[in-house]
């Protein structure tokens, strides 16, 4: 398959520029496109065969649910059996935007889209190109991140090309995305909304809208049960992984810096290519290894924005060992640590403690 590549100037395009992409979607094909979070790999959510193509192109396990993208609240009537009041309040506060909600599905939604579940994950993106593609195609778009399964999510069209060129029909290049982490996923099928994947919309933000919001602790823990059925993308499998071995170092700042310096020096002396993920505040403290700045601790959004691009950069640099500073597990830090721990396969060192 030859993948078509189309650059879209977000300041100067019309829906007519998306006609070919819309036709591909209607015919059951795959189109990668930017959202405000990461690049998505879109297909007709109500065509089971189109969903199968997504799984095949990504090499994605078939029990890993896809997220359906819509443009208006009325679209939920075709997808969700029930929309509770808490979901309407959350939608009012955060849609369009980086929030996905899990509902009981209607029969029209194929199990190929939901990973075999009786629930469907839905979000309403805010990115203008994503919204226009949905409108032009006239379809709801099932769209996981547009990367090979297990790899860091794509924040630029070039990342999509690296992973999926020749495996999908088209890539729409709308430039670098804004947020850089996938959407928050919250299950609204129970009495209390429960976060299944942390993201830009935090627990604290949702609590201000609907009161009590719980967190499924599985999202920050290594799940070793191979029979575990994931209710949302990213809950079961290793994700976001660079090619080198990534280890997260946690603890007090000075202890973390000392430990990473020690590990980097050992690695370099052993002839390894060592990468270090540091912040603006600490980057100058590491004399050995290839140091890359992920952002500032004073601006967690900058850290979220830079994470996946840095993991891919270390692949380009052929880093064999990568060490990252840890981040707090409150607010957006929870989402950052979720992605780091998944990328590291939960390989963590507590500075002054043990490797786990």
C-alpha atoms as a PDB file:
ATOM      1  CA  UNK A   1       0.000   0.000   0.000  1.00  0.00           C
ATOM      2  CA  UNK A   2       1.224   3.498  -0.846  1.00  0.00           C
ATOM      3  CA  UNK A   3       0.345   5.975   1.889  1.00  0.00           C
ATOM      4  CA  UNK A   4      -0.822   9.363   0.635  1.00  0.00           C
ATOM      5  CA  UNK A   5       0.599  12.347   2.502  1.00  0.00           C
ATOM      6  CA  UNK A   6      -1.217  15.687   2.568  1.00  0.00           C
ATOM      7  CA  UNK A   7      -0.024  18.824   4.371  1.00  0.00           C
ATOM      8  CA  UNK A   8      -2.843  20.978   5.719  1.00  0.00           C
ATOM      9  CA  UNK A   9      -2.252  24.630   6.617  1.00  0.00           C
ATOM     10  CA  UNK A  10      -4.545  25.041   9.601  1.00  0.00           C
ATOM     11  CA  UNK A  11      -4.895  28.748   8.865  1.00  0.00           C
ATOM     12  CA  UNK A  12      -5.822  28.311   5.198  1.00  0.00           C
ATOM     13  CA  UNK A  13      -7.884  25.251   4.335  1.00  0.00           C
ATOM     14  CA  UNK A  14     -11.461  24.410   3.493  1.00  0.00           C
ATOM     15  CA  UNK A  15     -13.486  21.269   4.013  1.00  0.00           C
ATOM     16  CA  UNK A  16     -13.021  20.627   0.275  1.00  0.00           C
ATOM     17  CA  UNK A  17      -9.330  19.985   1.024  1.00  0.00           C
ATOM     18  CA  UNK A  18     -10.458  17.022   3.119  1.00  0.00           C
ATOM     19  CA  UNK A  19     -12.635  15.453   0.425  1.00  0.00           C
ATOM     20  CA  UNK A  20     -10.231  12.644  -0.414  1.00  0.00           C
ATOM     21  CA  UNK A  21      -9.644  11.819   3.258  1.00  0.00           C
ATOM     22  CA  UNK A  22     -13.403  11.733   3.794  1.00  0.00           C
ATOM     23  CA  UNK A  23     -13.855   9.418   0.809  1.00  0.00           C
ATOM     24  CA  UNK A  24     -11.221   7.037   2.188  1.00  0.00           C
ATOM     25  CA  UNK A  25     -13.029   6.902   5.539  1.00  0.00           C
ATOM     26  CA  UNK A  26     -16.374   6.235   3.837  1.00  0.00           C
ATOM     27  CA  UNK A  27     -14.841   3.382   1.852  1.00  0.00           C
ATOM     28  CA  UNK A  28     -13.526   1.705   4.989  1.00  0.00           C
ATOM     29  CA  UNK A  29      -9.950   3.010   4.796  1.00  0.00           C
ATOM     30  CA  UNK A  30      -7.598   4.497   7.375  1.00  0.00           C
ATOM     31  CA  UNK A  31      -6.592   8.152   7.714  1.00  0.00           C
ATOM     32  CA  UNK A  32      -4.182   9.563  10.312  1.00  0.00           C
ATOM     33  CA  UNK A  33      -5.013  13.072  11.489  1.00  0.00           C
ATOM     34  CA  UNK A  34      -4.056  15.489  14.284  1.00  0.00           C
ATOM     35  CA  UNK A  35      -6.135  16.055  17.379  1.00  0.00           C
ATOM     36  CA  UNK A  36      -5.373  18.384  20.287  1.00  0.00           C
ATOM     37  CA  UNK A  37      -3.897  15.410  22.184  1.00  0.00           C
ATOM     38  CA  UNK A  38      -1.921  13.207  19.741  1.00  0.00           C
ATOM     39  CA  UNK A  39      -2.327  12.073  16.137  1.00  0.00           C
ATOM     40  CA  UNK A  40      -5.208   9.619  15.709  1.00  0.00           C
ATOM     41  CA  UNK A  41      -5.703   6.789  13.223  1.00  0.00           C
ATOM     42  CA  UNK A  42      -9.260   7.200  12.016  1.00  0.00           C
ATOM     43  CA  UNK A  43     -11.746   4.758  10.498  1.00  0.00           C
ATOM     44  CA  UNK A  44     -15.538   4.423  10.363  1.00  0.00           C
ATOM     45  CA  UNK A  45     -16.431   3.417  13.921  1.00  0.00           C
ATOM     46  CA  UNK A  46     -19.573   1.554  12.837  1.00  0.00           C
ATOM     47  CA  UNK A  47     -17.800  -0.584  10.208  1.00  0.00           C
ATOM     48  CA  UNK A  48     -16.406  -3.650  11.951  1.00  0.00           C
ATOM     49  CA  UNK A  49     -14.042  -4.402   9.074  1.00  0.00           C
ATOM     50  CA  UNK A  50     -12.626  -0.867   9.272  1.00  0.00           C
ATOM     51  CA  UNK A  51     -11.930  -1.395  12.982  1.00  0.00           C
ATOM     52  CA  UNK A  52     -10.107  -4.635  12.132  1.00  0.00           C
ATOM     53  CA  UNK A  53      -7.919  -2.669   9.728  1.00  0.00           C
ATOM     54  CA  UNK A  54      -6.909  -0.344  12.575  1.00  0.00           C
ATOM     55  CA  UNK A  55      -5.833  -3.269  14.749  1.00  0.00           C
ATOM     56  CA  UNK A  56      -3.924  -4.841  11.849  1.00  0.00           C
ATOM     57  CA  UNK A  57      -2.130  -1.630  10.847  1.00  0.00           C
ATOM     58  CA  UNK A  58      -1.029  -0.890  14.414  1.00  0.00           C
ATOM     59  CA  UNK A  59      -0.353  -4.480  15.443  1.00  0.00           C
ATOM     60  CA  UNK A  60      -2.730  -3.725  18.312  1.00  0.00           C
ATOM     61  CA  UNK A  61      -4.260  -6.472  20.507  1.00  0.00           C
ATOM     62  CA  UNK A  62      -7.915  -6.900  19.544  1.00  0.00           C
ATOM     63  CA  UNK A  63      -9.130  -6.629  23.158  1.00  0.00           C
ATOM     64  CA  UNK A  64      -7.794  -3.073  23.471  1.00  0.00           C
ATOM     65  CA  UNK A  65     -10.835  -0.774  22.981  1.00  0.00           C
ATOM     66  CA  UNK A  66     -10.911   2.050  20.427  1.00  0.00           C
ATOM     67  CA  UNK A  67     -12.223   5.554  21.150  1.00  0.00           C
ATOM     68  CA  UNK A  68     -15.052   6.894  18.993  1.00  0.00           C
ATOM     69  CA  UNK A  69     -14.786  10.586  18.023  1.00  0.00           C
ATOM     70  CA  UNK A  70     -17.880  12.758  17.501  1.00  0.00           C
ATOM     71  CA  UNK A  71     -18.644  16.448  16.930  1.00  0.00           C
ATOM     72  CA  UNK A  72     -21.892  17.107  18.840  1.00  0.00           C
ATOM     73  CA  UNK A  73     -23.826  15.840  21.857  1.00  0.00           C
ATOM     74  CA  UNK A  74     -26.646  14.535  19.657  1.00  0.00           C
ATOM     75  CA  UNK A  75     -24.209  11.976  18.231  1.00  0.00           C
ATOM     76  CA  UNK A  76     -24.299  10.131  21.555  1.00  0.00           C
ATOM     77  CA  UNK A  77     -27.845   9.022  20.794  1.00  0.00           C
ATOM     78  CA  UNK A  78     -26.496   6.665  18.123  1.00  0.00           C
ATOM     79  CA  UNK A  79     -23.712   5.262  20.300  1.00  0.00           C
ATOM     80  CA  UNK A  80     -24.656   5.236  24.001  1.00  0.00           C
ATOM     81  CA  UNK A  81     -27.540   3.291  25.533  1.00  0.00           C
ATOM     82  CA  UNK A  82     -27.611   5.690  28.480  1.00  0.00           C
ATOM     83  CA  UNK A  83     -26.064   9.103  29.179  1.00  0.00           C
ATOM     84  CA  UNK A  84     -26.123   9.803  32.934  1.00  0.00           C
ATOM     85  CA  UNK A  85     -26.434  13.299  34.341  1.00  0.00           C
ATOM     86  CA  UNK A  86     -22.804  13.313  35.511  1.00  0.00           C
ATOM     87  CA  UNK A  87     -21.713  12.687  31.911  1.00  0.00           C
ATOM     88  CA  UNK A  88     -23.775  15.612  30.678  1.00  0.00           C
ATOM     89  CA  UNK A  89     -22.164  17.847  33.290  1.00  0.00           C
ATOM     90  CA  UNK A  90     -18.673  16.662  32.339  1.00  0.00           C
ATOM     91  CA  UNK A  91     -19.446  17.182  28.653  1.00  0.00           C
ATOM     92  CA  UNK A  92     -20.680  20.681  29.402  1.00  0.00           C
ATOM     93  CA  UNK A  93     -17.411  21.489  31.141  1.00  0.00           C
ATOM     94  CA  UNK A  94     -14.835  19.659  28.986  1.00  0.00           C
ATOM     95  CA  UNK A  95     -16.289  18.945  25.521  1.00  0.00           C
ATOM     96  CA  UNK A  96     -14.998  19.638  22.973  1.00  0.00           C
ATOM     97  CA  UNK A  97     -11.691  18.670  24.537  1.00  0.00           C
ATOM     98  CA  UNK A  98      -9.374  15.943  25.817  1.00  0.00           C
ATOM     99  CA  UNK A  99     -11.904  13.923  27.815  1.00  0.00           C
ATOM    100  CA  UNK A 100     -13.194  10.459  26.855  1.00  0.00           C
ATOM    101  CA  UNK A 101     -16.226   8.952  28.584  1.00  0.00           C
ATOM    102  CA  UNK A 102     -17.184   5.275  28.687  1.00  0.00           C
ATOM    103  CA  UNK A 103     -20.902   4.470  28.231  1.00  0.00           C
ATOM    104  CA  UNK A 104     -23.022   1.336  27.786  1.00  0.00           C
ATOM    105  CA  UNK A 105     -22.978   0.811  24.011  1.00  0.00           C
ATOM    106  CA  UNK A 106     -25.877   0.588  21.601  1.00  0.00           C
ATOM    107  CA  UNK A 107     -26.143  -2.497  19.360  1.00  0.00           C
ATOM    108  CA  UNK A 108     -25.083  -0.423  16.326  1.00  0.00           C
ATOM    109  CA  UNK A 109     -21.572  -0.128  17.743  1.00  0.00           C
ATOM    110  CA  UNK A 110     -19.673  -3.270  16.699  1.00  0.00           C
ATOM    111  CA  UNK A 111     -17.666  -5.302  19.169  1.00  0.00           C
ATOM    112  CA  UNK A 112     -14.715  -4.882  16.827  1.00  0.00           C
ATOM    113  CA  UNK A 113     -14.647  -1.221  17.853  1.00  0.00           C
ATOM    114  CA  UNK A 114     -15.162  -1.804  21.579  1.00  0.00           C
ATOM    115  CA  UNK A 115     -12.630  -4.611  22.002  1.00  0.00           C
ATOM    116  CA  UNK A 116     -15.436  -7.064  22.698  1.00  0.00           C
ATOM    117  CA  UNK A 117     -16.943  -4.963  25.492  1.00  0.00           C
ATOM    118  CA  UNK A 118     -20.549  -3.872  26.026  1.00  0.00           C
ATOM    119  CA  UNK A 119     -19.297  -0.346  26.588  1.00  0.00           C
ATOM    120  CA  UNK A 120     -18.116   2.304  24.148  1.00  0.00           C
ATOM    121  CA  UNK A 121     -15.527   5.046  24.753  1.00  0.00           C
ATOM    122  CA  UNK A 122     -16.478   8.394  23.210  1.00  0.00           C
ATOM    123  CA  UNK A 123     -14.884  11.803  22.986  1.00  0.00           C
ATOM    124  CA  UNK A 124     -15.467  15.095  21.182  1.00  0.00           C
ATOM    125  CA  UNK A 125     -12.145  16.546  19.979  1.00  0.00           C
ATOM    126  CA  UNK A 126     -11.558  20.276  19.883  1.00  0.00           C
ATOM    127  CA  UNK A 127      -8.958  20.283  17.087  1.00  0.00           C
ATOM    128  CA  UNK A 128     -10.540  21.972  14.036  1.00  0.00           C
ATOM    129  CA  UNK A 129      -9.057  19.539  11.516  1.00  0.00           C
ATOM    130  CA  UNK A 130     -10.295  16.516  13.462  1.00  0.00           C
ATOM    131  CA  UNK A 131     -13.784  17.991  13.696  1.00  0.00           C
ATOM    132  CA  UNK A 132     -13.867  18.901  10.020  1.00  0.00           C
ATOM    133  CA  UNK A 133     -12.732  15.410   8.995  1.00  0.00           C
ATOM    134  CA  UNK A 134     -15.598  13.894  11.009  1.00  0.00           C
ATOM    135  CA  UNK A 135     -18.064  16.256   9.330  1.00  0.00           C
ATOM    136  CA  UNK A 136     -16.703  15.739   5.798  1.00  0.00           C
ATOM    137  CA  UNK A 137     -16.665  11.957   6.142  1.00  0.00           C
ATOM    138  CA  UNK A 138     -20.145  11.888   7.652  1.00  0.00           C
ATOM    139  CA  UNK A 139     -18.929   9.116   9.959  1.00  0.00           C
ATOM    140  CA  UNK A 140     -18.070   8.696  13.622  1.00  0.00           C
ATOM    141  CA  UNK A 141     -14.342   8.024  13.751  1.00  0.00           C
ATOM    142  CA  UNK A 142     -12.806   5.211  15.762  1.00  0.00           C
ATOM    143  CA  UNK A 143      -9.345   6.595  16.339  1.00  0.00           C
ATOM    144  CA  UNK A 144      -6.608   5.267  18.606  1.00  0.00           C
ATOM    145  CA  UNK A 145      -3.205   6.935  18.518  1.00  0.00           C
ATOM    146  CA  UNK A 146      -1.600   6.662  15.062  1.00  0.00           C
ATOM    147  CA  UNK A 147       1.488   4.704  16.050  1.00  0.00           C
ATOM    148  CA  UNK A 148       2.643   1.102  15.946  1.00  0.00           C
ATOM    149  CA  UNK A 149       1.277  -0.633  19.033  1.00  0.00           C
ATOM    150  CA  UNK A 150       3.531  -0.206  22.054  1.00  0.00           C
ATOM    151  CA  UNK A 151       5.515   2.707  20.569  1.00  0.00           C
ATOM    152  CA  UNK A 152       5.439   6.289  21.874  1.00  0.00           C
ATOM    153  CA  UNK A 153       2.322   8.088  20.700  1.00  0.00           C
ATOM    154  CA  UNK A 154       2.805  10.457  17.732  1.00  0.00           C
ATOM    155  CA  UNK A 155       2.760  14.188  18.296  1.00  0.00           C
ATOM    156  CA  UNK A 156       3.922  15.025  14.742  1.00  0.00           C
ATOM    157  CA  UNK A 157       2.953  13.629  11.343  1.00  0.00           C
ATOM    158  CA  UNK A 158       6.555  12.482  10.857  1.00  0.00           C
ATOM    159  CA  UNK A 159       6.114  10.126  13.825  1.00  0.00           C
ATOM    160  CA  UNK A 160       3.094   8.575  12.092  1.00  0.00           C
ATOM    161  CA  UNK A 161       5.071   8.194   8.869  1.00  0.00           C
ATOM    162  CA  UNK A 162       7.915   6.484  10.736  1.00  0.00           C
ATOM    163  CA  UNK A 163       5.552   3.865  12.175  1.00  0.00           C
ATOM    164  CA  UNK A 164       2.765   3.385   9.642  1.00  0.00           C
ATOM    165  CA  UNK A 165       3.991   4.409   6.183  1.00  0.00           C
ATOM    166  CA  UNK A 166       2.786   1.784   3.724  1.00  0.00           C
ATOM    167  CA  UNK A 167       0.270   0.378   6.219  1.00  0.00           C
ATOM    168  CA  UNK A 168      -2.473   3.027   6.073  1.00  0.00           C
ATOM    169  CA  UNK A 169      -4.177   4.941   3.274  1.00  0.00           C
ATOM    170  CA  UNK A 170      -3.437   8.551   4.176  1.00  0.00           C
ATOM    171  CA  UNK A 171      -1.716  10.919   6.607  1.00  0.00           C
ATOM    172  CA  UNK A 172      -3.003  14.458   7.132  1.00  0.00           C
ATOM    173  CA  UNK A 173      -0.126  16.625   8.370  1.00  0.00           C
ATOM    174  CA  UNK A 174      -1.550  19.442  10.481  1.00  0.00           C
ATOM    175  CA  UNK A 175       1.678  20.221  12.317  1.00  0.00           C
ATOM    176  CA  UNK A 176       2.652  19.468  15.896  1.00  0.00           C
ATOM    177  CA  UNK A 177      -0.171  18.802  18.359  1.00  0.00           C
ATOM    178  CA  UNK A 178      -0.840  20.977  21.377  1.00  0.00           C
ATOM    179  CA  UNK A 179      -1.224  18.782  24.471  1.00  0.00           C
ATOM    180  CA  UNK A 180       0.969  15.782  23.674  1.00  0.00           C
ATOM    181  CA  UNK A 181      -0.727  13.206  25.937  1.00  0.00           C
ATOM    182  CA  UNK A 182      -3.812  11.161  25.113  1.00  0.00           C
ATOM    183  CA  UNK A 183      -7.197  12.107  26.539  1.00  0.00           C
ATOM    184  CA  UNK A 184      -8.356  11.364  30.053  1.00  0.00           C
ATOM    185  CA  UNK A 185     -10.699   8.341  30.081  1.00  0.00           C
ATOM    186  CA  UNK A 186     -13.464   8.245  32.695  1.00  0.00           C
ATOM    187  CA  UNK A 187     -16.000   5.448  33.149  1.00  0.00           C
ATOM    188  CA  UNK A 188     -19.489   6.861  33.778  1.00  0.00           C
ATOM    189  CA  UNK A 189     -21.342   3.521  33.788  1.00  0.00           C
ATOM    190  CA  UNK A 190     -21.255   3.155  37.589  1.00  0.00           C
ATOM    191  CA  UNK A 191     -22.503   5.207  40.509  1.00  0.00           C
ATOM    192  CA  UNK A 192     -19.221   7.136  40.787  1.00  0.00           C
ATOM    193  CA  UNK A 193     -17.237   8.339  37.746  1.00  0.00           C
ATOM    194  CA  UNK A 194     -13.940   6.413  37.682  1.00  0.00           C
ATOM    195  CA  UNK A 195     -10.783   7.466  35.862  1.00  0.00           C
ATOM    196  CA  UNK A 196      -9.394   4.624  33.743  1.00  0.00           C
ATOM    197  CA  UNK A 197      -6.616   6.661  32.118  1.00  0.00           C
ATOM    198  CA  UNK A 198      -5.298   9.958  33.471  1.00  0.00           C
ATOM    199  CA  UNK A 199      -4.778  12.860  31.103  1.00  0.00           C
ATOM    200  CA  UNK A 200      -4.991  16.614  30.700  1.00  0.00           C
ATOM    201  CA  UNK A 201      -8.417  16.761  32.387  1.00  0.00           C
ATOM    202  CA  UNK A 202      -7.472  15.869  35.944  1.00  0.00           C
ATOM    203  CA  UNK A 203      -9.378  14.289  38.816  1.00  0.00           C
ATOM    204  CA  UNK A 204      -9.387  17.628  40.620  1.00  0.00           C
ATOM    205  CA  UNK A 205     -10.900  19.394  37.590  1.00  0.00           C
ATOM    206  CA  UNK A 206     -13.703  16.832  37.295  1.00  0.00           C
ATOM    207  CA  UNK A 207     -14.434  16.885  41.014  1.00  0.00           C
ATOM    208  CA  UNK A 208     -15.157  20.582  40.792  1.00  0.00           C
ATOM    209  CA  UNK A 209     -17.903  19.738  38.276  1.00  0.00           C
ATOM    210  CA  UNK A 210     -19.499  16.519  39.584  1.00  0.00           C
ATOM    211  CA  UNK A 211     -18.161  16.029  43.104  1.00  0.00           C
ATOM    212  CA  UNK A 212     -16.737  12.582  43.847  1.00  0.00           C
ATOM    213  CA  UNK A 213     -14.495  11.035  41.164  1.00  0.00           C
ATOM    214  CA  UNK A 214     -12.495   7.863  41.804  1.00  0.00           C
ATOM    215  CA  UNK A 215      -9.337   6.516  40.202  1.00  0.00           C
ATOM    216  CA  UNK A 216      -8.848   2.937  39.065  1.00  0.00           C
ATOM    217  CA  UNK A 217      -5.528   2.116  40.741  1.00  0.00           C
ATOM    218  CA  UNK A 218      -4.660  -0.329  37.950  1.00  0.00           C
ATOM    219  CA  UNK A 219      -3.609   2.645  35.826  1.00  0.00           C
ATOM    220  CA  UNK A 220      -0.526   3.269  37.972  1.00  0.00           C
ATOM    221  CA  UNK A 221       0.273  -0.347  38.758  1.00  0.00           C
ATOM    222  CA  UNK A 222       1.744  -3.161  36.704  1.00  0.00           C
ATOM    223  CA  UNK A 223      -1.030  -5.590  35.835  1.00  0.00           C
ATOM    224  CA  UNK A 224       0.389  -9.067  35.539  1.00  0.00           C
ATOM    225  CA  UNK A 225      -2.917 -10.885  35.013  1.00  0.00           C
ATOM    226  CA  UNK A 226      -2.951 -11.909  31.357  1.00  0.00           C
ATOM    227  CA  UNK A 227      -6.722 -12.510  31.625  1.00  0.00           C
ATOM    228  CA  UNK A 228      -7.362  -8.897  32.661  1.00  0.00           C
ATOM    229  CA  UNK A 229      -9.951  -7.264  30.345  1.00  0.00           C
ATOM    230  CA  UNK A 230      -9.092  -3.587  29.740  1.00  0.00           C
ATOM    231  CA  UNK A 231     -12.034  -1.159  29.821  1.00  0.00           C
ATOM    232  CA  UNK A 232     -10.010   1.630  28.250  1.00  0.00           C
ATOM    233  CA  UNK A 233      -6.971   1.982  25.982  1.00  0.00           C
ATOM    234  CA  UNK A 234      -3.652   1.684  27.773  1.00  0.00           C
ATOM    235  CA  UNK A 235      -4.815  -0.248  30.844  1.00  0.00           C
ATOM    236  CA  UNK A 236      -3.346  -3.684  30.121  1.00  0.00           C
ATOM    237  CA  UNK A 237      -0.411  -3.582  27.736  1.00  0.00           C
ATOM    238  CA  UNK A 238       2.995  -1.960  27.746  1.00  0.00           C
ATOM    239  CA  UNK A 239       2.722   1.286  25.834  1.00  0.00           C
ATOM    240  CA  UNK A 240       4.777   4.242  24.674  1.00  0.00           C
ATOM    241  CA  UNK A 241       8.013   2.239  24.900  1.00  0.00           C
ATOM    242  CA  UNK A 242      11.274   3.441  23.367  1.00  0.00           C
ATOM    243  CA  UNK A 243      13.629   0.871  21.858  1.00  0.00           C
ATOM    244  CA  UNK A 244      16.165   1.298  24.672  1.00  0.00           C
ATOM    245  CA  UNK A 245      15.622   0.204  28.268  1.00  0.00           C
ATOM    246  CA  UNK A 246      13.866   2.986  30.199  1.00  0.00           C
ATOM    247  CA  UNK A 247      14.084   3.266  33.986  1.00  0.00           C
ATOM    248  CA  UNK A 248      12.249   5.847  36.097  1.00  0.00           C
ATOM    249  CA  UNK A 249      14.137   7.122  39.160  1.00  0.00           C
ATOM    250  CA  UNK A 250      11.958   8.424  41.991  1.00  0.00           C
ATOM    251  CA  UNK A 251      12.703  10.113  45.325  1.00  0.00           C
ATOM    252  CA  UNK A 252      13.983  13.396  46.660  1.00  0.00           C
ATOM    253  CA  UNK A 253      15.460  15.617  43.949  1.00  0.00           C
ATOM    254  CA  UNK A 254      19.078  15.526  45.133  1.00  0.00           C
ATOM    255  CA  UNK A 255      18.989  11.764  45.643  1.00  0.00           C
ATOM    256  CA  UNK A 256      17.455  11.269  42.186  1.00  0.00           C
ATOM    257  CA  UNK A 257      20.152  13.380  40.547  1.00  0.00           C
ATOM    258  CA  UNK A 258      22.925  11.470  42.332  1.00  0.00           C
ATOM    259  CA  UNK A 259      21.444   8.111  41.364  1.00  0.00           C
ATOM    260  CA  UNK A 260      20.972   9.026  37.703  1.00  0.00           C
ATOM    261  CA  UNK A 261      24.520  10.428  37.568  1.00  0.00           C
ATOM    262  CA  UNK A 262      25.851   7.165  39.003  1.00  0.00           C
ATOM    263  CA  UNK A 263      23.853   5.001  36.629  1.00  0.00           C
ATOM    264  CA  UNK A 264      24.753   7.129  33.607  1.00  0.00           C
ATOM    265  CA  UNK A 265      28.446   7.039  34.458  1.00  0.00           C
ATOM    266  CA  UNK A 266      28.340   3.256  34.847  1.00  0.00           C
ATOM    267  CA  UNK A 267      26.547   2.896  31.530  1.00  0.00           C
ATOM    268  CA  UNK A 268      28.942   5.152  29.643  1.00  0.00           C
ATOM    269  CA  UNK A 269      31.963   3.353  31.094  1.00  0.00           C
ATOM    270  CA  UNK A 270      30.417   0.068  29.930  1.00  0.00           C
ATOM    271  CA  UNK A 271      30.255   1.433  26.391  1.00  0.00           C
ATOM    272  CA  UNK A 272      26.487   2.002  26.371  1.00  0.00           C
ATOM    273  CA  UNK A 273      24.674   4.898  24.754  1.00  0.00           C
ATOM    274  CA  UNK A 274      22.903   6.511  27.728  1.00  0.00           C
ATOM    275  CA  UNK A 275      20.011   8.963  27.561  1.00  0.00           C
ATOM    276  CA  UNK A 276      18.733  11.123  30.423  1.00  0.00           C
ATOM    277  CA  UNK A 277      15.305  12.756  30.598  1.00  0.00           C
ATOM    278  CA  UNK A 278      15.764  15.863  32.735  1.00  0.00           C
ATOM    279  CA  UNK A 279      13.874  19.061  33.477  1.00  0.00           C
ATOM    280  CA  UNK A 280      14.951  22.635  32.839  1.00  0.00           C
ATOM    281  CA  UNK A 281      15.772  22.911  36.531  1.00  0.00           C
ATOM    282  CA  UNK A 282      18.157  19.912  36.608  1.00  0.00           C
ATOM    283  CA  UNK A 283      19.558  19.424  33.093  1.00  0.00           C
ATOM    284  CA  UNK A 284      22.893  21.044  33.935  1.00  0.00           C
ATOM    285  CA  UNK A 285      23.504  18.594  36.776  1.00  0.00           C
ATOM    286  CA  UNK A 286      24.228  15.561  34.568  1.00  0.00           C
ATOM    287  CA  UNK A 287      27.810  15.410  33.245  1.00  0.00           C
ATOM    288  CA  UNK A 288      27.505  12.013  31.516  1.00  0.00           C
ATOM    289  CA  UNK A 289      25.104  10.748  28.876  1.00  0.00           C
ATOM    290  CA  UNK A 290      22.849  12.402  26.303  1.00  0.00           C
ATOM    291  CA  UNK A 291      20.700  14.833  28.287  1.00  0.00           C
ATOM    292  CA  UNK A 292      17.384  16.026  26.892  1.00  0.00           C
ATOM    293  CA  UNK A 293      15.069  18.558  28.555  1.00  0.00           C
ATOM    294  CA  UNK A 294      11.455  17.455  28.758  1.00  0.00           C
ATOM    295  CA  UNK A 295      10.124  20.747  30.159  1.00  0.00           C
ATOM    296  CA  UNK A 296       9.919  22.641  33.420  1.00  0.00           C
ATOM    297  CA  UNK A 297       8.554  21.352  36.722  1.00  0.00           C
ATOM    298  CA  UNK A 298       6.959  24.763  37.112  1.00  0.00           C
ATOM    299  CA  UNK A 299       4.973  24.061  33.930  1.00  0.00           C
ATOM    300  CA  UNK A 300       3.679  20.475  33.865  1.00  0.00           C
ATOM    301  CA  UNK A 301       2.009  21.087  30.516  1.00  0.00           C
ATOM    302  CA  UNK A 302       5.445  21.553  28.963  1.00  0.00           C
ATOM    303  CA  UNK A 303       6.511  18.181  30.396  1.00  0.00           C
ATOM    304  CA  UNK A 304       3.419  16.451  29.015  1.00  0.00           C
ATOM    305  CA  UNK A 305       3.954  18.080  25.631  1.00  0.00           C
ATOM    306  CA  UNK A 306       7.566  16.939  25.364  1.00  0.00           C
ATOM    307  CA  UNK A 307       7.407  13.360  26.659  1.00  0.00           C
ATOM    308  CA  UNK A 308       6.627  11.282  23.578  1.00  0.00           C
ATOM    309  CA  UNK A 309       8.847  13.347  21.277  1.00  0.00           C
ATOM    310  CA  UNK A 310      11.809  12.822  23.610  1.00  0.00           C
ATOM    311  CA  UNK A 311      11.256   9.059  23.732  1.00  0.00           C
ATOM    312  CA  UNK A 312      11.282   8.987  19.932  1.00  0.00           C
ATOM    313  CA  UNK A 313      14.369  11.223  19.824  1.00  0.00           C
ATOM    314  CA  UNK A 314      16.249   8.705  21.962  1.00  0.00           C
ATOM    315  CA  UNK A 315      15.311   6.041  19.430  1.00  0.00           C
ATOM    316  CA  UNK A 316      16.887   8.193  16.704  1.00  0.00           C
ATOM    317  CA  UNK A 317      19.970   8.578  18.917  1.00  0.00           C
ATOM    318  CA  UNK A 318      20.053   4.780  19.427  1.00  0.00           C
ATOM    319  CA  UNK A 319      20.045   5.141  23.202  1.00  0.00           C
ATOM    320  CA  UNK A 320      20.414   1.747  24.874  1.00  0.00           C
ATOM    321  CA  UNK A 321      19.798   2.876  28.453  1.00  0.00           C
ATOM    322  CA  UNK A 322      17.452   5.745  29.341  1.00  0.00           C
ATOM    323  CA  UNK A 323      16.941   7.210  32.804  1.00  0.00           C
ATOM    324  CA  UNK A 324      14.128   9.601  33.646  1.00  0.00           C
ATOM    325  CA  UNK A 325      13.407  11.671  36.699  1.00  0.00           C
ATOM    326  CA  UNK A 326      10.041  10.846  38.293  1.00  0.00           C
ATOM    327  CA  UNK A 327       7.154  13.262  38.679  1.00  0.00           C
ATOM    328  CA  UNK A 328       4.478  13.841  41.302  1.00  0.00           C
ATOM    329  CA  UNK A 329       1.230  11.881  41.087  1.00  0.00           C
ATOM    330  CA  UNK A 330      -1.146  14.786  41.539  1.00  0.00           C
ATOM    331  CA  UNK A 331      -2.887  16.742  38.787  1.00  0.00           C
ATOM    332  CA  UNK A 332      -1.263  16.418  35.377  1.00  0.00           C
ATOM    333  CA  UNK A 333       1.736  14.732  37.030  1.00  0.00           C
ATOM    334  CA  UNK A 334      -0.404  11.623  37.461  1.00  0.00           C
ATOM    335  CA  UNK A 335      -0.855  11.378  33.682  1.00  0.00           C
ATOM    336  CA  UNK A 336       2.843  11.982  33.047  1.00  0.00           C
ATOM    337  CA  UNK A 337       3.847   9.239  35.484  1.00  0.00           C
ATOM    338  CA  UNK A 338       1.258   6.864  34.032  1.00  0.00           C
ATOM    339  CA  UNK A 339       2.850   7.209  30.587  1.00  0.00           C
ATOM    340  CA  UNK A 340       6.407   6.985  31.931  1.00  0.00           C
ATOM    341  CA  UNK A 341       5.669   3.861  33.974  1.00  0.00           C
ATOM    342  CA  UNK A 342       3.988   2.187  30.993  1.00  0.00           C
ATOM    343  CA  UNK A 343       6.930   3.121  28.766  1.00  0.00           C
ATOM    344  CA  UNK A 344       9.366   1.710  31.324  1.00  0.00           C
ATOM    345  CA  UNK A 345       7.400  -1.481  31.844  1.00  0.00           C
ATOM    346  CA  UNK A 346       7.129  -0.326  35.477  1.00  0.00           C
ATOM    347  CA  UNK A 347      10.908  -0.483  35.870  1.00  0.00           C
ATOM    348  CA  UNK A 348      11.453   1.940  38.749  1.00  0.00           C
ATOM    349  CA  UNK A 349      14.305   2.775  41.110  1.00  0.00           C
ATOM    350  CA  UNK A 350      13.696   4.589  44.355  1.00  0.00           C
ATOM    351  CA  UNK A 351      16.796   6.723  44.897  1.00  0.00           C
ATOM    352  CA  UNK A 352      18.533   5.317  47.950  1.00  0.00           C
ATOM    353  CA  UNK A 353      16.284   2.259  47.747  1.00  0.00           C
ATOM    354  CA  UNK A 354      15.716  -0.720  45.468  1.00  0.00           C
ATOM    355  CA  UNK A 355      14.944  -1.312  41.826  1.00  0.00           C
ATOM    356  CA  UNK A 356      11.370  -2.598  41.350  1.00  0.00           C
END
